[in-house]
Amino acid sequence: MLIIREVFTAKPGQASKLAKLFKKGFAGDPTTRVMTDMVGDYNTVVVEVQVENLAEFEKQMKDYSRESQIRKWTLKLLRRCQSIQKCI
């Protein structure tokens, strides 16, 4: 099992809105956690996804990229971000 962690640095004043978007988007998904940083930068949102292997993660990303609703949702997220880091 792998944990894919994406660390988003939100634009000033956007972290809570970004976290809410993620929580709404991943509601009901037991393999995903959305967290905010309590001790680091105030504008950090972390999303963790559990997958069995990298092939599963790549398939999820490919499937997501085909759905127009997810593309629109992703644009809303990106408007609120300054930077994104992905850790495996």
N, C-alpha and C. Protein backbone atom coordinates (compact mmCIF):
# COMPACT_ATOMS: atom_id res chain seq x y z
N MET A 1 0.84 -1.17 0.00
CA MET A 1 0.00 0.00 0.00
C MET A 1 0.89 1.24 0.00
N LEU A 2 0.48 2.25 -0.76
CA LEU A 2 1.20 3.52 -0.83
C LEU A 2 0.28 4.65 -0.36
N ILE A 3 0.90 5.68 0.18
CA ILE A 3 0.16 6.90 0.50
C ILE A 3 0.72 8.00 -0.38
N ILE A 4 -0.15 8.59 -1.18
CA ILE A 4 0.21 9.71 -2.03
C ILE A 4 -0.21 10.97 -1.28
N ARG A 5 0.75 11.84 -1.02
CA ARG A 5 0.46 13.07 -0.27
C ARG A 5 0.69 14.27 -1.18
N GLU A 6 -0.33 15.09 -1.29
CA GLU A 6 -0.21 16.33 -2.06
C GLU A 6 -0.34 17.49 -1.09
N VAL A 7 0.66 18.36 -1.11
CA VAL A 7 0.71 19.51 -0.22
C VAL A 7 0.43 20.76 -1.05
N PHE A 8 -0.65 21.44 -0.72
CA PHE A 8 -1.07 22.63 -1.44
C PHE A 8 -0.80 23.86 -0.58
N THR A 9 -0.11 24.83 -1.15
CA THR A 9 0.06 26.11 -0.49
C THR A 9 -0.97 27.05 -1.11
N ALA A 10 -1.92 27.46 -0.30
CA ALA A 10 -3.01 28.29 -0.79
C ALA A 10 -2.57 29.75 -0.88
N LYS A 11 -3.23 30.47 -1.76
CA LYS A 11 -3.03 31.92 -1.81
C LYS A 11 -3.56 32.50 -0.50
N PRO A 12 -3.06 33.67 -0.10
CA PRO A 12 -3.51 34.27 1.16
C PRO A 12 -5.04 34.36 1.24
N GLY A 13 -5.58 33.90 2.36
CA GLY A 13 -7.02 33.95 2.59
C GLY A 13 -7.82 32.86 1.92
N GLN A 14 -7.17 31.90 1.27
CA GLN A 14 -7.88 30.88 0.50
C GLN A 14 -7.78 29.47 1.09
N ALA A 15 -7.01 29.28 2.15
CA ALA A 15 -6.78 27.92 2.67
C ALA A 15 -8.07 27.25 3.14
N SER A 16 -8.91 27.96 3.87
CA SER A 16 -10.14 27.33 4.37
C SER A 16 -11.08 27.00 3.21
N LYS A 17 -11.14 27.85 2.22
CA LYS A 17 -11.99 27.58 1.05
C LYS A 17 -11.45 26.37 0.27
N LEU A 18 -10.13 26.30 0.17
CA LEU A 18 -9.50 25.17 -0.52
C LEU A 18 -9.78 23.87 0.22
N ALA A 19 -9.63 23.86 1.54
CA ALA A 19 -9.89 22.65 2.33
C ALA A 19 -11.36 22.23 2.20
N LYS A 20 -12.28 23.19 2.21
CA LYS A 20 -13.70 22.86 2.06
C LYS A 20 -13.98 22.23 0.70
N LEU A 21 -13.35 22.76 -0.34
CA LEU A 21 -13.54 22.18 -1.69
C LEU A 21 -13.06 20.73 -1.71
N PHE A 22 -11.90 20.48 -1.11
CA PHE A 22 -11.38 19.11 -1.07
C PHE A 22 -12.29 18.20 -0.27
N LYS A 23 -12.73 18.66 0.89
CA LYS A 23 -13.59 17.82 1.73
C LYS A 23 -14.90 17.50 1.03
N LYS A 24 -15.43 18.47 0.31
CA LYS A 24 -16.66 18.23 -0.45
C LYS A 24 -16.40 17.26 -1.60
N GLY A 25 -15.29 17.45 -2.30
CA GLY A 25 -14.96 16.61 -3.44
C GLY A 25 -14.66 15.17 -3.08
N PHE A 26 -14.09 14.95 -1.90
CA PHE A 26 -13.72 13.61 -1.49
C PHE A 26 -14.64 13.06 -0.40
N ALA A 27 -15.78 13.68 -0.19
CA ALA A 27 -16.72 13.20 0.82
C ALA A 27 -17.11 11.76 0.52
N GLY A 28 -17.10 10.93 1.53
CA GLY A 28 -17.48 9.53 1.35
C GLY A 28 -16.39 8.63 0.82
N ASP A 29 -15.19 9.17 0.57
CA ASP A 29 -14.08 8.36 0.08
C ASP A 29 -13.20 7.99 1.27
N PRO A 30 -13.27 6.74 1.74
CA PRO A 30 -12.51 6.36 2.92
C PRO A 30 -11.00 6.28 2.71
N THR A 31 -10.55 6.34 1.45
CA THR A 31 -9.11 6.24 1.18
C THR A 31 -8.44 7.61 1.11
N THR A 32 -9.21 8.69 1.34
CA THR A 32 -8.67 10.04 1.20
C THR A 32 -8.87 10.83 2.49
N ARG A 33 -7.81 11.55 2.88
CA ARG A 33 -7.89 12.44 4.05
C ARG A 33 -7.51 13.84 3.62
N VAL A 34 -8.22 14.84 4.15
CA VAL A 34 -7.92 16.24 3.90
C VAL A 34 -7.54 16.86 5.24
N MET A 35 -6.37 17.50 5.29
CA MET A 35 -5.88 18.06 6.54
C MET A 35 -5.34 19.47 6.32
N THR A 36 -5.38 20.26 7.38
CA THR A 36 -4.73 21.56 7.35
C THR A 36 -3.58 21.53 8.34
N ASP A 37 -2.60 22.35 8.12
CA ASP A 37 -1.40 22.36 8.95
C ASP A 37 -1.59 23.27 10.15
N MET A 38 -1.49 22.70 11.33
CA MET A 38 -1.69 23.46 12.56
C MET A 38 -0.40 24.10 13.07
N VAL A 39 0.76 23.60 12.64
CA VAL A 39 2.01 24.11 13.20
C VAL A 39 2.94 24.74 12.16
N GLY A 40 2.68 24.51 10.90
CA GLY A 40 3.53 25.06 9.85
C GLY A 40 2.90 26.32 9.27
N ASP A 41 3.10 26.48 7.98
CA ASP A 41 2.50 27.63 7.30
C ASP A 41 0.99 27.60 7.45
N TYR A 42 0.40 28.73 7.73
CA TYR A 42 -1.04 28.83 7.97
C TYR A 42 -1.86 28.54 6.73
N ASN A 43 -1.26 28.56 5.58
CA ASN A 43 -2.02 28.43 4.34
C ASN A 43 -1.75 27.10 3.64
N THR A 44 -1.51 26.04 4.41
CA THR A 44 -1.19 24.73 3.85
C THR A 44 -2.37 23.77 4.01
N VAL A 45 -2.70 23.08 2.91
CA VAL A 45 -3.72 22.03 2.92
C VAL A 45 -3.05 20.77 2.38
N VAL A 46 -3.24 19.65 3.09
CA VAL A 46 -2.63 18.39 2.70
C VAL A 46 -3.74 17.39 2.38
N VAL A 47 -3.59 16.70 1.24
CA VAL A 47 -4.53 15.66 0.85
C VAL A 47 -3.73 14.36 0.73
N GLU A 48 -4.18 13.33 1.45
CA GLU A 48 -3.54 12.02 1.38
C GLU A 48 -4.50 11.02 0.77
N VAL A 49 -3.99 10.22 -0.16
CA VAL A 49 -4.78 9.19 -0.82
C VAL A 49 -4.04 7.86 -0.66
N GLN A 50 -4.74 6.82 -0.21
CA GLN A 50 -4.16 5.49 -0.10
C GLN A 50 -4.48 4.69 -1.36
N VAL A 51 -3.45 4.10 -1.94
CA VAL A 51 -3.62 3.25 -3.12
C VAL A 51 -2.78 1.99 -2.93
N GLU A 52 -3.13 0.94 -3.62
CA GLU A 52 -2.38 -0.31 -3.53
C GLU A 52 -1.02 -0.21 -4.20
N ASN A 53 -0.97 0.51 -5.36
CA ASN A 53 0.28 0.64 -6.10
C ASN A 53 0.19 1.86 -7.02
N LEU A 54 1.30 2.19 -7.66
CA LEU A 54 1.32 3.36 -8.54
C LEU A 54 0.42 3.19 -9.76
N ALA A 55 0.25 1.99 -10.23
CA ALA A 55 -0.62 1.75 -11.38
C ALA A 55 -2.06 2.15 -11.04
N GLU A 56 -2.50 1.83 -9.83
CA GLU A 56 -3.85 2.22 -9.40
C GLU A 56 -3.99 3.75 -9.35
N PHE A 57 -2.97 4.41 -8.83
CA PHE A 57 -3.01 5.87 -8.76
C PHE A 57 -3.04 6.49 -10.15
N GLU A 58 -2.20 5.98 -11.04
CA GLU A 58 -2.18 6.48 -12.42
C GLU A 58 -3.52 6.28 -13.10
N LYS A 59 -4.16 5.14 -12.86
CA LYS A 59 -5.48 4.88 -13.44
C LYS A 59 -6.51 5.88 -12.90
N GLN A 60 -6.47 6.14 -11.58
CA GLN A 60 -7.39 7.11 -10.99
C GLN A 60 -7.20 8.49 -11.64
N MET A 61 -5.96 8.91 -11.80
CA MET A 61 -5.69 10.22 -12.39
C MET A 61 -6.18 10.29 -13.84
N LYS A 62 -5.98 9.22 -14.57
CA LYS A 62 -6.43 9.17 -15.96
C LYS A 62 -7.96 9.23 -16.03
N ASP A 63 -8.63 8.47 -15.15
CA ASP A 63 -10.09 8.48 -15.11
C ASP A 63 -10.62 9.86 -14.74
N TYR A 64 -9.99 10.49 -13.75
CA TYR A 64 -10.42 11.83 -13.32
C TYR A 64 -10.27 12.85 -14.45
N SER A 65 -9.18 12.73 -15.20
CA SER A 65 -8.93 13.73 -16.25
C SER A 65 -9.95 13.66 -17.38
N ARG A 66 -10.66 12.56 -17.49
CA ARG A 66 -11.66 12.40 -18.55
C ARG A 66 -13.01 13.00 -18.18
N GLU A 67 -13.25 13.25 -16.91
CA GLU A 67 -14.56 13.74 -16.46
C GLU A 67 -14.58 15.27 -16.42
N SER A 68 -15.52 15.85 -17.15
CA SER A 68 -15.58 17.31 -17.25
C SER A 68 -15.89 17.97 -15.91
N GLN A 69 -16.70 17.34 -15.07
CA GLN A 69 -17.01 17.92 -13.76
C GLN A 69 -15.76 18.01 -12.90
N ILE A 70 -14.92 17.01 -12.98
CA ILE A 70 -13.68 17.03 -12.20
C ILE A 70 -12.72 18.07 -12.74
N ARG A 71 -12.69 18.25 -14.04
CA ARG A 71 -11.83 19.30 -14.61
C ARG A 71 -12.27 20.67 -14.13
N LYS A 72 -13.58 20.92 -14.09
CA LYS A 72 -14.09 22.21 -13.59
C LYS A 72 -13.73 22.39 -12.12
N TRP A 73 -13.90 21.32 -11.34
CA TRP A 73 -13.57 21.35 -9.91
C TRP A 73 -12.08 21.64 -9.72
N THR A 74 -11.24 21.01 -10.54
CA THR A 74 -9.80 21.21 -10.45
C THR A 74 -9.43 22.66 -10.74
N LEU A 75 -10.09 23.28 -11.69
CA LEU A 75 -9.81 24.69 -11.98
C LEU A 75 -10.13 25.57 -10.78
N LYS A 76 -11.22 25.27 -10.07
CA LYS A 76 -11.55 26.02 -8.86
C LYS A 76 -10.44 25.88 -7.82
N LEU A 77 -9.91 24.66 -7.70
CA LEU A 77 -8.83 24.42 -6.75
C LEU A 77 -7.58 25.20 -7.12
N LEU A 78 -7.21 25.11 -8.39
CA LEU A 78 -5.96 25.73 -8.83
C LEU A 78 -5.99 27.25 -8.70
N ARG A 79 -7.15 27.85 -8.81
CA ARG A 79 -7.26 29.31 -8.63
C ARG A 79 -6.92 29.74 -7.21
N ARG A 80 -7.01 28.82 -6.28
CA ARG A 80 -6.76 29.13 -4.88
C ARG A 80 -5.36 28.73 -4.41
N CYS A 81 -4.55 28.17 -5.31
CA CYS A 81 -3.23 27.64 -4.94
C CYS A 81 -2.08 28.51 -5.44
N GLN A 82 -1.02 28.56 -4.62
CA GLN A 82 0.23 29.17 -5.05
C GLN A 82 1.19 28.09 -5.55
N SER A 83 1.18 26.94 -4.85
CA SER A 83 2.09 25.85 -5.25
C SER A 83 1.50 24.51 -4.80
N ILE A 84 2.00 23.43 -5.45
CA ILE A 84 1.57 22.07 -5.13
C ILE A 84 2.81 21.17 -5.14
N GLN A 85 2.91 20.34 -4.11
CA GLN A 85 3.98 19.33 -4.04
C GLN A 85 3.33 17.96 -3.91
N LYS A 86 3.87 17.00 -4.61
CA LYS A 86 3.35 15.62 -4.51
C LYS A 86 4.45 14.73 -3.95
N CYS A 87 4.11 13.93 -2.94
CA CYS A 87 5.06 13.02 -2.30
C CYS A 87 4.48 11.61 -2.33
N ILE A 88 5.32 10.64 -2.64
CA ILE A 88 4.87 9.26 -2.68
C ILE A 88 5.66 8.49 -1.63
